[in-house]
Structure formats: structure tokens, C-alpha cells
Amino acid sequence: MSRAVEESNRAMLRARDAMDRAYAQPLDIPALARIAYVSEAHFIRTFRATFGETPHRYLQRRRIERAMYLLVRTTEPVTEICHLVGFGSLGTFSRTFHDIVGESPSAYRRRKVAPADVPSCFTRAWMRPSAAVGRPAGPAPGVAGPGPAADGRAPAGVSDRAPAVAP
């Protein structure tokens, strides 16, 4: 890796770390670009190339990730959680939450139960929303998955019979 690429990655990490620390604060591109010591346009392009999503989308996902935790672990109203994680509008929060998680904040709270004594690093990784928003889980479009063939038969190499159980 060249020195220039390494310096660019460090600058983007500084900005991302600032977003992680102050996710509930109003953050804008000019402030983040100043943290990374680059222009605004260069910051957006480089951040996306480095992390695979725009700074705005990363910040939204980070806020929703924190909201998911608060919805499961606290009894705060959804409106209060919306403001705690940095959204100014309940409508924007609910729409963004639904876009990323796939259900409303209230439905998510009803469906989820706080995990029992599991290390928080595992809980965060398990609850983290995917960066691949809007893509269904499973194989990419056009890629054959392990599902049944068009004629209803199991795919080649996959048996529909139960494995034999040794006594």
C-alpha cells in the first residue's frame, strides 16, 4: 500500500471515528471534511470508495444501530429514542428505520427480546443492520441458490432425503 493511500485511509478513519463518537450531534459534510483535511467533494468520493457507502448513509445506519439497541434495552418511548440518536423528526426516523431494518421501530421493539447474558460485542454484531440496504438476503440476483429447480426437483448434489442416523 502506498503512503498516499495509507494517509487517505487514516483521514477517512478519523472522520468515521468522529461520526461514531458524535452520531447524535448534528454533523455536516464540511465539518467532517475538515476533520479529514480534504475538500467536501473529495471527502464524499473517498469515504464512499473506502467504506462502500456515503458518509450520510453511514451516519444514518450508525444512528439506527444505536436506536435498535435502545428499543430493545430500554422502555423509552420511540419519540424520545428518535431524538436521543440524533434525528430531528419522528417521521424521518421511522422511514429511515424501516428502510434499513425492514420494519417500524414499534414492531421491532415488540418482536425483539433483549438477549440474555451474551457479551456485548456479539450482541452488537448480531443486531448490526446490513450496509446492503434494500437487497434481499440470499444469493445475488441471477445467481442460482440452493432452492428447488423450476421443475420442483432438488438441485444437483442436494438430497431431499433425511440423512441416515447411526444407532
N, C-alpha and C. Protein backbone atom coordinates (compact mmCIF):
# COMPACT_ATOMS: atom_id res chain seq x y z
N MET A 1 0.85 -1.17 0.00
CA MET A 1 0.00 0.00 0.00
C MET A 1 0.90 1.23 0.00
N SER A 2 0.60 2.18 -0.84
CA SER A 2 1.42 3.38 -0.93
C SER A 2 1.16 4.29 0.26
N ARG A 3 2.08 5.16 0.50
CA ARG A 3 1.97 6.10 1.62
C ARG A 3 0.75 7.01 1.45
N ALA A 4 0.46 7.44 0.21
CA ALA A 4 -0.68 8.32 -0.04
C ALA A 4 -2.00 7.62 0.29
N VAL A 5 -2.12 6.35 -0.10
CA VAL A 5 -3.34 5.58 0.19
C VAL A 5 -3.48 5.39 1.69
N GLU A 6 -2.38 5.10 2.36
CA GLU A 6 -2.42 4.93 3.80
C GLU A 6 -2.85 6.21 4.51
N GLU A 7 -2.33 7.35 4.08
CA GLU A 7 -2.72 8.64 4.66
C GLU A 7 -4.20 8.94 4.41
N SER A 8 -4.67 8.61 3.21
CA SER A 8 -6.07 8.82 2.87
C SER A 8 -6.97 7.96 3.75
N ASN A 9 -6.59 6.70 3.94
CA ASN A 9 -7.37 5.80 4.79
C ASN A 9 -7.40 6.30 6.23
N ARG A 10 -6.28 6.79 6.72
CA ARG A 10 -6.26 7.34 8.09
C ARG A 10 -7.17 8.55 8.22
N ALA A 11 -7.18 9.40 7.20
CA ALA A 11 -8.05 10.57 7.23
C ALA A 11 -9.51 10.15 7.27
N MET A 12 -9.87 9.16 6.46
CA MET A 12 -11.25 8.68 6.44
C MET A 12 -11.61 8.02 7.77
N LEU A 13 -10.68 7.30 8.37
CA LEU A 13 -10.93 6.68 9.67
C LEU A 13 -11.13 7.74 10.76
N ARG A 14 -10.37 8.84 10.69
CA ARG A 14 -10.56 9.94 11.65
C ARG A 14 -11.98 10.48 11.56
N ALA A 15 -12.44 10.69 10.33
CA ALA A 15 -13.79 11.21 10.13
C ALA A 15 -14.84 10.20 10.59
N ARG A 16 -14.64 8.92 10.26
CA ARG A 16 -15.61 7.90 10.68
C ARG A 16 -15.64 7.76 12.19
N ASP A 17 -14.48 7.83 12.83
CA ASP A 17 -14.43 7.78 14.29
C ASP A 17 -15.17 8.96 14.90
N ALA A 18 -15.04 10.14 14.30
CA ALA A 18 -15.78 11.31 14.79
C ALA A 18 -17.28 11.08 14.65
N MET A 19 -17.69 10.45 13.55
CA MET A 19 -19.11 10.14 13.36
C MET A 19 -19.59 9.13 14.39
N ASP A 20 -18.75 8.15 14.71
CA ASP A 20 -19.12 7.15 15.71
C ASP A 20 -19.24 7.79 17.11
N ARG A 21 -18.36 8.72 17.43
CA ARG A 21 -18.39 9.36 18.74
C ARG A 21 -19.56 10.32 18.89
N ALA A 22 -19.85 11.07 17.85
CA ALA A 22 -20.84 12.14 17.94
C ALA A 22 -22.04 11.90 17.03
N TYR A 23 -22.47 10.65 16.91
CA TYR A 23 -23.55 10.32 15.98
C TYR A 23 -24.85 11.05 16.30
N ALA A 24 -25.08 11.40 17.56
CA ALA A 24 -26.32 12.06 17.94
C ALA A 24 -26.27 13.57 17.72
N GLN A 25 -25.10 14.09 17.41
CA GLN A 25 -24.94 15.52 17.17
C GLN A 25 -25.22 15.83 15.70
N PRO A 26 -25.61 17.07 15.41
CA PRO A 26 -25.77 17.43 14.00
C PRO A 26 -24.39 17.48 13.33
N LEU A 27 -24.15 16.59 12.40
CA LEU A 27 -22.88 16.54 11.68
C LEU A 27 -23.14 16.91 10.23
N ASP A 28 -22.23 17.66 9.64
CA ASP A 28 -22.37 18.01 8.23
C ASP A 28 -21.08 17.69 7.49
N ILE A 29 -21.18 17.63 6.19
CA ILE A 29 -20.05 17.26 5.35
C ILE A 29 -18.88 18.24 5.51
N PRO A 30 -19.11 19.56 5.55
CA PRO A 30 -17.96 20.47 5.72
C PRO A 30 -17.16 20.19 7.00
N ALA A 31 -17.85 19.91 8.10
CA ALA A 31 -17.15 19.63 9.35
C ALA A 31 -16.36 18.32 9.26
N LEU A 32 -16.97 17.30 8.67
CA LEU A 32 -16.27 16.01 8.53
C LEU A 32 -15.10 16.12 7.56
N ALA A 33 -15.26 16.89 6.50
CA ALA A 33 -14.16 17.08 5.55
C ALA A 33 -12.99 17.81 6.22
N ARG A 34 -13.29 18.76 7.11
CA ARG A 34 -12.22 19.45 7.85
C ARG A 34 -11.47 18.47 8.76
N ILE A 35 -12.19 17.53 9.37
CA ILE A 35 -11.55 16.53 10.23
C ILE A 35 -10.59 15.67 9.40
N ALA A 36 -10.98 15.37 8.16
CA ALA A 36 -10.16 14.53 7.28
C ALA A 36 -9.13 15.35 6.49
N TYR A 37 -9.17 16.67 6.62
CA TYR A 37 -8.23 17.56 5.92
C TYR A 37 -8.32 17.43 4.41
N VAL A 38 -9.56 17.34 3.89
CA VAL A 38 -9.77 17.29 2.45
C VAL A 38 -10.96 18.16 2.09
N SER A 39 -11.16 18.40 0.79
CA SER A 39 -12.33 19.17 0.36
C SER A 39 -13.59 18.32 0.55
N GLU A 40 -14.74 18.99 0.50
CA GLU A 40 -16.01 18.30 0.71
C GLU A 40 -16.27 17.24 -0.37
N ALA A 41 -16.08 17.61 -1.63
CA ALA A 41 -16.35 16.66 -2.72
C ALA A 41 -15.38 15.48 -2.65
N HIS A 42 -14.12 15.77 -2.38
CA HIS A 42 -13.14 14.70 -2.27
C HIS A 42 -13.47 13.79 -1.08
N PHE A 43 -13.93 14.39 0.01
CA PHE A 43 -14.29 13.60 1.18
C PHE A 43 -15.39 12.60 0.86
N ILE A 44 -16.44 13.05 0.20
CA ILE A 44 -17.57 12.17 -0.11
C ILE A 44 -17.12 11.03 -1.03
N ARG A 45 -16.36 11.37 -2.09
CA ARG A 45 -15.88 10.33 -3.02
C ARG A 45 -14.97 9.33 -2.33
N THR A 46 -14.03 9.83 -1.54
CA THR A 46 -13.05 8.96 -0.89
C THR A 46 -13.70 8.11 0.19
N PHE A 47 -14.62 8.68 0.97
CA PHE A 47 -15.31 7.94 2.01
C PHE A 47 -16.08 6.78 1.38
N ARG A 48 -16.78 7.06 0.31
CA ARG A 48 -17.55 6.01 -0.35
C ARG A 48 -16.64 4.92 -0.92
N ALA A 49 -15.53 5.31 -1.51
CA ALA A 49 -14.59 4.34 -2.06
C ALA A 49 -13.96 3.50 -0.95
N THR A 50 -13.73 4.11 0.20
CA THR A 50 -13.07 3.41 1.30
C THR A 50 -14.02 2.48 2.05
N PHE A 51 -15.24 2.95 2.35
CA PHE A 51 -16.15 2.20 3.20
C PHE A 51 -17.36 1.62 2.48
N GLY A 52 -17.56 1.93 1.21
CA GLY A 52 -18.64 1.33 0.44
C GLY A 52 -19.99 1.98 0.59
N GLU A 53 -20.05 3.10 1.29
CA GLU A 53 -21.30 3.85 1.41
C GLU A 53 -20.98 5.31 1.67
N THR A 54 -21.94 6.18 1.40
CA THR A 54 -21.70 7.61 1.58
C THR A 54 -21.63 7.95 3.07
N PRO A 55 -21.02 9.07 3.42
CA PRO A 55 -20.97 9.47 4.83
C PRO A 55 -22.37 9.62 5.43
N HIS A 56 -23.29 10.17 4.66
CA HIS A 56 -24.65 10.35 5.17
C HIS A 56 -25.30 9.01 5.48
N ARG A 57 -25.17 8.05 4.59
CA ARG A 57 -25.76 6.73 4.81
C ARG A 57 -25.10 6.01 5.99
N TYR A 58 -23.78 6.17 6.12
CA TYR A 58 -23.09 5.57 7.26
C TYR A 58 -23.62 6.14 8.57
N LEU A 59 -23.78 7.46 8.61
CA LEU A 59 -24.27 8.10 9.83
C LEU A 59 -25.71 7.66 10.13
N GLN A 60 -26.55 7.57 9.11
CA GLN A 60 -27.91 7.08 9.32
C GLN A 60 -27.90 5.66 9.90
N ARG A 61 -27.08 4.80 9.29
CA ARG A 61 -27.02 3.41 9.75
C ARG A 61 -26.50 3.34 11.18
N ARG A 62 -25.53 4.16 11.51
CA ARG A 62 -24.98 4.18 12.87
C ARG A 62 -26.05 4.62 13.87
N ARG A 63 -26.82 5.62 13.51
CA ARG A 63 -27.90 6.10 14.39
C ARG A 63 -28.98 5.03 14.56
N ILE A 64 -29.34 4.37 13.48
CA ILE A 64 -30.36 3.32 13.55
C ILE A 64 -29.84 2.15 14.38
N GLU A 65 -28.57 1.82 14.24
CA GLU A 65 -27.96 0.75 15.04
C GLU A 65 -28.11 1.06 16.53
N ARG A 66 -27.85 2.28 16.92
CA ARG A 66 -27.99 2.68 18.32
C ARG A 66 -29.47 2.66 18.73
N ALA A 67 -30.34 3.09 17.85
CA ALA A 67 -31.77 3.07 18.15
C ALA A 67 -32.26 1.64 18.35
N MET A 68 -31.76 0.71 17.56
CA MET A 68 -32.15 -0.70 17.72
C MET A 68 -31.78 -1.19 19.12
N TYR A 69 -30.60 -0.83 19.57
CA TYR A 69 -30.16 -1.21 20.91
C TYR A 69 -31.08 -0.61 21.97
N LEU A 70 -31.37 0.69 21.85
CA LEU A 70 -32.21 1.37 22.84
C LEU A 70 -33.64 0.84 22.83
N LEU A 71 -34.15 0.49 21.67
CA LEU A 71 -35.51 -0.05 21.60
C LEU A 71 -35.63 -1.37 22.36
N VAL A 72 -34.60 -2.18 22.31
CA VAL A 72 -34.63 -3.49 22.97
C VAL A 72 -34.30 -3.37 24.45
N ARG A 73 -33.34 -2.53 24.79
CA ARG A 73 -32.81 -2.47 26.15
C ARG A 73 -33.47 -1.46 27.08
N THR A 74 -34.26 -0.52 26.55
CA THR A 74 -34.88 0.48 27.41
C THR A 74 -36.38 0.50 27.19
N THR A 75 -37.06 1.25 28.03
CA THR A 75 -38.51 1.43 27.88
C THR A 75 -38.83 2.85 27.42
N GLU A 76 -37.82 3.58 26.96
CA GLU A 76 -38.03 4.94 26.46
C GLU A 76 -39.02 4.91 25.30
N PRO A 77 -39.85 5.92 25.17
CA PRO A 77 -40.76 5.98 24.02
C PRO A 77 -39.97 6.13 22.71
N VAL A 78 -40.56 5.70 21.63
CA VAL A 78 -39.90 5.76 20.33
C VAL A 78 -39.52 7.20 19.99
N THR A 79 -40.38 8.14 20.31
CA THR A 79 -40.09 9.55 20.03
C THR A 79 -38.84 10.01 20.76
N GLU A 80 -38.69 9.62 22.00
CA GLU A 80 -37.50 10.01 22.77
C GLU A 80 -36.25 9.36 22.18
N ILE A 81 -36.33 8.11 21.80
CA ILE A 81 -35.19 7.42 21.19
C ILE A 81 -34.82 8.11 19.88
N CYS A 82 -35.81 8.52 19.12
CA CYS A 82 -35.58 9.24 17.87
C CYS A 82 -34.68 10.45 18.12
N HIS A 83 -34.98 11.22 19.14
CA HIS A 83 -34.19 12.42 19.45
C HIS A 83 -32.85 12.07 20.09
N LEU A 84 -32.80 11.01 20.88
CA LEU A 84 -31.55 10.62 21.52
C LEU A 84 -30.48 10.22 20.51
N VAL A 85 -30.89 9.61 19.40
CA VAL A 85 -29.91 9.15 18.43
C VAL A 85 -29.61 10.17 17.34
N GLY A 86 -30.24 11.35 17.41
CA GLY A 86 -29.86 12.42 16.51
C GLY A 86 -30.82 12.76 15.39
N PHE A 87 -31.99 12.15 15.35
CA PHE A 87 -32.98 12.51 14.34
C PHE A 87 -33.83 13.65 14.87
N GLY A 88 -34.15 14.61 14.03
CA GLY A 88 -34.97 15.74 14.43
C GLY A 88 -36.46 15.51 14.22
N SER A 89 -36.80 14.52 13.42
CA SER A 89 -38.19 14.27 13.06
C SER A 89 -38.52 12.79 13.25
N LEU A 90 -39.64 12.53 13.90
CA LEU A 90 -40.08 11.15 14.10
C LEU A 90 -40.39 10.49 12.76
N GLY A 91 -40.95 11.24 11.82
CA GLY A 91 -41.26 10.69 10.50
C GLY A 91 -40.01 10.25 9.76
N THR A 92 -38.99 11.09 9.78
CA THR A 92 -37.73 10.74 9.12
C THR A 92 -37.10 9.54 9.80
N PHE A 93 -37.13 9.53 11.13
CA PHE A 93 -36.57 8.41 11.88
C PHE A 93 -37.29 7.11 11.52
N SER A 94 -38.62 7.13 11.54
CA SER A 94 -39.40 5.91 11.26
C SER A 94 -39.17 5.42 9.84
N ARG A 95 -39.15 6.34 8.87
CA ARG A 95 -38.93 5.96 7.47
C ARG A 95 -37.53 5.37 7.28
N THR A 96 -36.52 6.02 7.87
CA THR A 96 -35.15 5.52 7.75
C THR A 96 -35.00 4.18 8.45
N PHE A 97 -35.61 4.05 9.64
CA PHE A 97 -35.56 2.79 10.38
C PHE A 97 -36.16 1.67 9.54
N HIS A 98 -37.32 1.93 8.95
CA HIS A 98 -37.99 0.92 8.12
C HIS A 98 -37.16 0.58 6.90
N ASP A 99 -36.53 1.58 6.26
CA ASP A 99 -35.70 1.32 5.08
C ASP A 99 -34.52 0.42 5.42
N ILE A 100 -33.92 0.62 6.59
CA ILE A 100 -32.70 -0.12 6.95
C ILE A 100 -33.03 -1.46 7.59
N VAL A 101 -33.99 -1.48 8.51
CA VAL A 101 -34.28 -2.69 9.29
C VAL A 101 -35.36 -3.55 8.63
N GLY A 102 -36.29 -2.91 7.94
CA GLY A 102 -37.34 -3.67 7.28
C GLY A 102 -38.66 -3.70 8.04
N GLU A 103 -38.72 -3.00 9.17
CA GLU A 103 -39.96 -2.91 9.93
C GLU A 103 -39.93 -1.62 10.75
N SER A 104 -41.08 -1.24 11.28
CA SER A 104 -41.15 0.01 12.04
C SER A 104 -40.45 -0.16 13.40
N PRO A 105 -40.06 0.95 14.02
CA PRO A 105 -39.42 0.85 15.33
C PRO A 105 -40.30 0.14 16.37
N SER A 106 -41.60 0.43 16.36
CA SER A 106 -42.50 -0.21 17.33
C SER A 106 -42.61 -1.71 17.09
N ALA A 107 -42.72 -2.10 15.82
CA ALA A 107 -42.79 -3.54 15.51
C ALA A 107 -41.48 -4.22 15.89
N TYR A 108 -40.36 -3.56 15.65
CA TYR A 108 -39.06 -4.13 16.02
C TYR A 108 -39.00 -4.34 17.53
N ARG A 109 -39.47 -3.36 18.29
CA ARG A 109 -39.44 -3.47 19.76
C ARG A 109 -40.32 -4.62 20.23
N ARG A 110 -41.50 -4.77 19.63
CA ARG A 110 -42.40 -5.86 20.04
C ARG A 110 -41.81 -7.23 19.70
N ARG A 111 -41.13 -7.33 18.56
CA ARG A 111 -40.61 -8.62 18.10
C ARG A 111 -39.34 -9.03 18.83
N LYS A 112 -38.50 -8.09 19.16
CA LYS A 112 -37.20 -8.42 19.75
C LYS A 112 -37.30 -8.54 21.26
N VAL A 113 -36.50 -9.44 21.78
CA VAL A 113 -36.37 -9.61 23.22
C VAL A 113 -34.90 -9.40 23.53
N ALA A 114 -34.61 -8.70 24.61
CA ALA A 114 -33.21 -8.45 24.97
C ALA A 114 -32.49 -9.78 25.16
N PRO A 115 -31.35 -9.95 24.50
CA PRO A 115 -30.60 -11.20 24.64
C PRO A 115 -30.12 -11.39 26.07
N ALA A 116 -30.12 -12.64 26.51
CA ALA A 116 -29.62 -12.95 27.85
C ALA A 116 -28.13 -12.68 27.89
N ASP A 117 -27.51 -12.90 28.98
CA ASP A 117 -26.12 -12.56 29.23
C ASP A 117 -25.17 -13.02 28.13
N VAL A 118 -25.15 -12.26 27.05
CA VAL A 118 -24.27 -12.52 25.93
C VAL A 118 -23.31 -11.35 25.87
N PRO A 119 -22.04 -11.58 25.60
CA PRO A 119 -21.11 -10.45 25.51
C PRO A 119 -21.61 -9.40 24.54
N SER A 120 -21.45 -8.14 24.90
CA SER A 120 -21.99 -7.05 24.11
C SER A 120 -21.41 -7.00 22.70
N CYS A 121 -20.15 -7.46 22.53
CA CYS A 121 -19.58 -7.44 21.18
C CYS A 121 -20.35 -8.37 20.24
N PHE A 122 -20.81 -9.51 20.74
CA PHE A 122 -21.60 -10.43 19.93
C PHE A 122 -22.99 -9.85 19.66
N THR A 123 -23.58 -9.23 20.69
CA THR A 123 -24.90 -8.64 20.53
C THR A 123 -24.87 -7.55 19.48
N ARG A 124 -23.87 -6.66 19.54
CA ARG A 124 -23.77 -5.58 18.56
C ARG A 124 -23.58 -6.12 17.16
N ALA A 125 -22.74 -7.12 17.00
CA ALA A 125 -22.52 -7.69 15.67
C ALA A 125 -23.79 -8.36 15.15
N TRP A 126 -24.52 -9.03 16.01
CA TRP A 126 -25.74 -9.73 15.62
C TRP A 126 -26.85 -8.75 15.25
N MET A 127 -26.93 -7.62 15.99
CA MET A 127 -28.01 -6.66 15.78
C MET A 127 -27.67 -5.60 14.73
N ARG A 128 -26.43 -5.54 14.26
CA ARG A 128 -26.00 -4.51 13.33
C ARG A 128 -26.76 -4.63 12.03
N PRO A 129 -27.35 -3.52 11.56
CA PRO A 129 -28.04 -3.58 10.28
C PRO A 129 -27.05 -3.71 9.14
N SER A 130 -27.47 -4.32 8.08
CA SER A 130 -26.60 -4.55 6.94
C SER A 130 -26.40 -3.28 6.15
N ALA A 131 -25.22 -3.12 5.59
CA ALA A 131 -24.96 -1.98 4.70
C ALA A 131 -25.63 -2.19 3.36
N ALA A 132 -26.01 -3.41 3.06
CA ALA A 132 -26.66 -3.75 1.79
C ALA A 132 -28.15 -3.53 1.94
N VAL A 133 -28.56 -2.27 2.08
CA VAL A 133 -29.96 -1.93 2.30
C VAL A 133 -30.74 -2.15 1.01
N GLY A 134 -31.89 -2.73 1.14
CA GLY A 134 -32.77 -2.94 0.01
C GLY A 134 -32.50 -4.22 -0.76
N ARG A 135 -31.43 -4.92 -0.42
CA ARG A 135 -31.13 -6.19 -1.10
C ARG A 135 -31.66 -7.33 -0.24
N PRO A 136 -32.38 -8.25 -0.81
CA PRO A 136 -32.86 -9.38 -0.02
C PRO A 136 -31.71 -10.28 0.40
N ALA A 137 -31.92 -10.96 1.49
CA ALA A 137 -30.91 -11.92 1.94
C ALA A 137 -30.87 -13.07 0.97
N GLY A 138 -29.73 -13.72 0.87
CA GLY A 138 -29.61 -14.86 -0.01
C GLY A 138 -28.72 -14.54 -1.18
N PRO A 139 -28.73 -15.41 -2.18
CA PRO A 139 -27.84 -15.21 -3.32
C PRO A 139 -28.18 -13.94 -4.08
N ALA A 140 -27.20 -13.39 -4.73
CA ALA A 140 -27.40 -12.19 -5.54
C ALA A 140 -28.33 -12.52 -6.70
N PRO A 141 -29.01 -11.49 -7.23
CA PRO A 141 -29.90 -11.74 -8.37
C PRO A 141 -29.13 -12.37 -9.52
N GLY A 142 -29.70 -13.37 -10.13
CA GLY A 142 -29.08 -14.03 -11.26
C GLY A 142 -28.15 -15.17 -10.86
N VAL A 143 -27.95 -15.35 -9.55
CA VAL A 143 -27.09 -16.43 -9.07
C VAL A 143 -27.98 -17.53 -8.54
N ALA A 144 -27.78 -18.73 -9.01
CA ALA A 144 -28.60 -19.85 -8.58
C ALA A 144 -28.30 -20.19 -7.13
N GLY A 145 -29.33 -20.29 -6.35
CA GLY A 145 -29.18 -20.66 -4.95
C GLY A 145 -29.52 -22.12 -4.75
N PRO A 146 -29.55 -22.57 -3.50
CA PRO A 146 -29.82 -23.98 -3.23
C PRO A 146 -31.29 -24.34 -3.26
N GLY A 147 -32.16 -23.47 -3.74
CA GLY A 147 -33.59 -23.75 -3.77
C GLY A 147 -33.94 -24.78 -4.82
N PRO A 148 -35.21 -25.19 -4.89
CA PRO A 148 -35.61 -26.22 -5.86
C PRO A 148 -35.52 -25.69 -7.28
N ALA A 149 -35.31 -26.60 -8.20
CA ALA A 149 -35.26 -26.24 -9.61
C ALA A 149 -36.67 -25.89 -10.08
N ALA A 150 -36.77 -25.38 -11.29
CA ALA A 150 -38.07 -24.96 -11.82
C ALA A 150 -39.05 -26.11 -11.87
N ASP A 151 -38.56 -27.36 -12.03
CA ASP A 151 -39.46 -28.49 -12.11
C ASP A 151 -39.76 -29.09 -10.73
N GLY A 152 -39.29 -28.44 -9.64
CA GLY A 152 -39.60 -28.91 -8.30
C GLY A 152 -38.60 -29.88 -7.72
N ARG A 153 -37.64 -30.35 -8.55
CA ARG A 153 -36.64 -31.28 -8.03
C ARG A 153 -35.57 -30.52 -7.27
N ALA A 154 -34.89 -31.22 -6.37
CA ALA A 154 -33.79 -30.61 -5.62
C ALA A 154 -32.64 -30.36 -6.58
N PRO A 155 -31.83 -29.31 -6.33
CA PRO A 155 -30.69 -29.04 -7.20
C PRO A 155 -29.69 -30.18 -7.17
N ALA A 156 -28.86 -30.23 -8.19
CA ALA A 156 -27.85 -31.29 -8.28
C ALA A 156 -26.97 -31.28 -7.05
N GLY A 157 -26.71 -32.44 -6.51
CA GLY A 157 -25.84 -32.56 -5.35
C GLY A 157 -26.55 -32.38 -4.02
N VAL A 158 -27.84 -32.08 -4.05
CA VAL A 158 -28.60 -31.88 -2.82
C VAL A 158 -29.66 -32.96 -2.73
N SER A 159 -29.66 -33.69 -1.67
CA SER A 159 -30.60 -34.78 -1.49
C SER A 159 -31.80 -34.27 -0.71
N ASP A 160 -32.98 -34.72 -1.10
CA ASP A 160 -34.18 -34.35 -0.35
C ASP A 160 -34.51 -35.38 0.71
N ARG A 161 -33.68 -36.39 0.82
CA ARG A 161 -33.92 -37.42 1.83
C ARG A 161 -33.17 -37.07 3.10
N ALA A 162 -33.72 -37.45 4.23
CA ALA A 162 -33.06 -37.21 5.52
C ALA A 162 -31.82 -38.10 5.62
N PRO A 163 -30.77 -37.62 6.27
CA PRO A 163 -29.58 -38.45 6.40
C PRO A 163 -29.85 -39.64 7.31
N ALA A 164 -29.15 -40.72 7.06
CA ALA A 164 -29.31 -41.91 7.86
C ALA A 164 -28.73 -41.65 9.26
N VAL A 165 -29.43 -42.14 10.26
CA VAL A 165 -28.99 -41.94 11.64
C VAL A 165 -28.31 -43.23 12.11
N ALA A 166 -27.11 -43.09 12.62
CA ALA A 166 -26.39 -44.28 13.12
C ALA A 166 -26.93 -44.64 14.47
N PRO A 167 -27.05 -45.97 14.75
CA PRO A 167 -27.61 -46.39 16.04
C PRO A 167 -26.68 -46.13 17.18
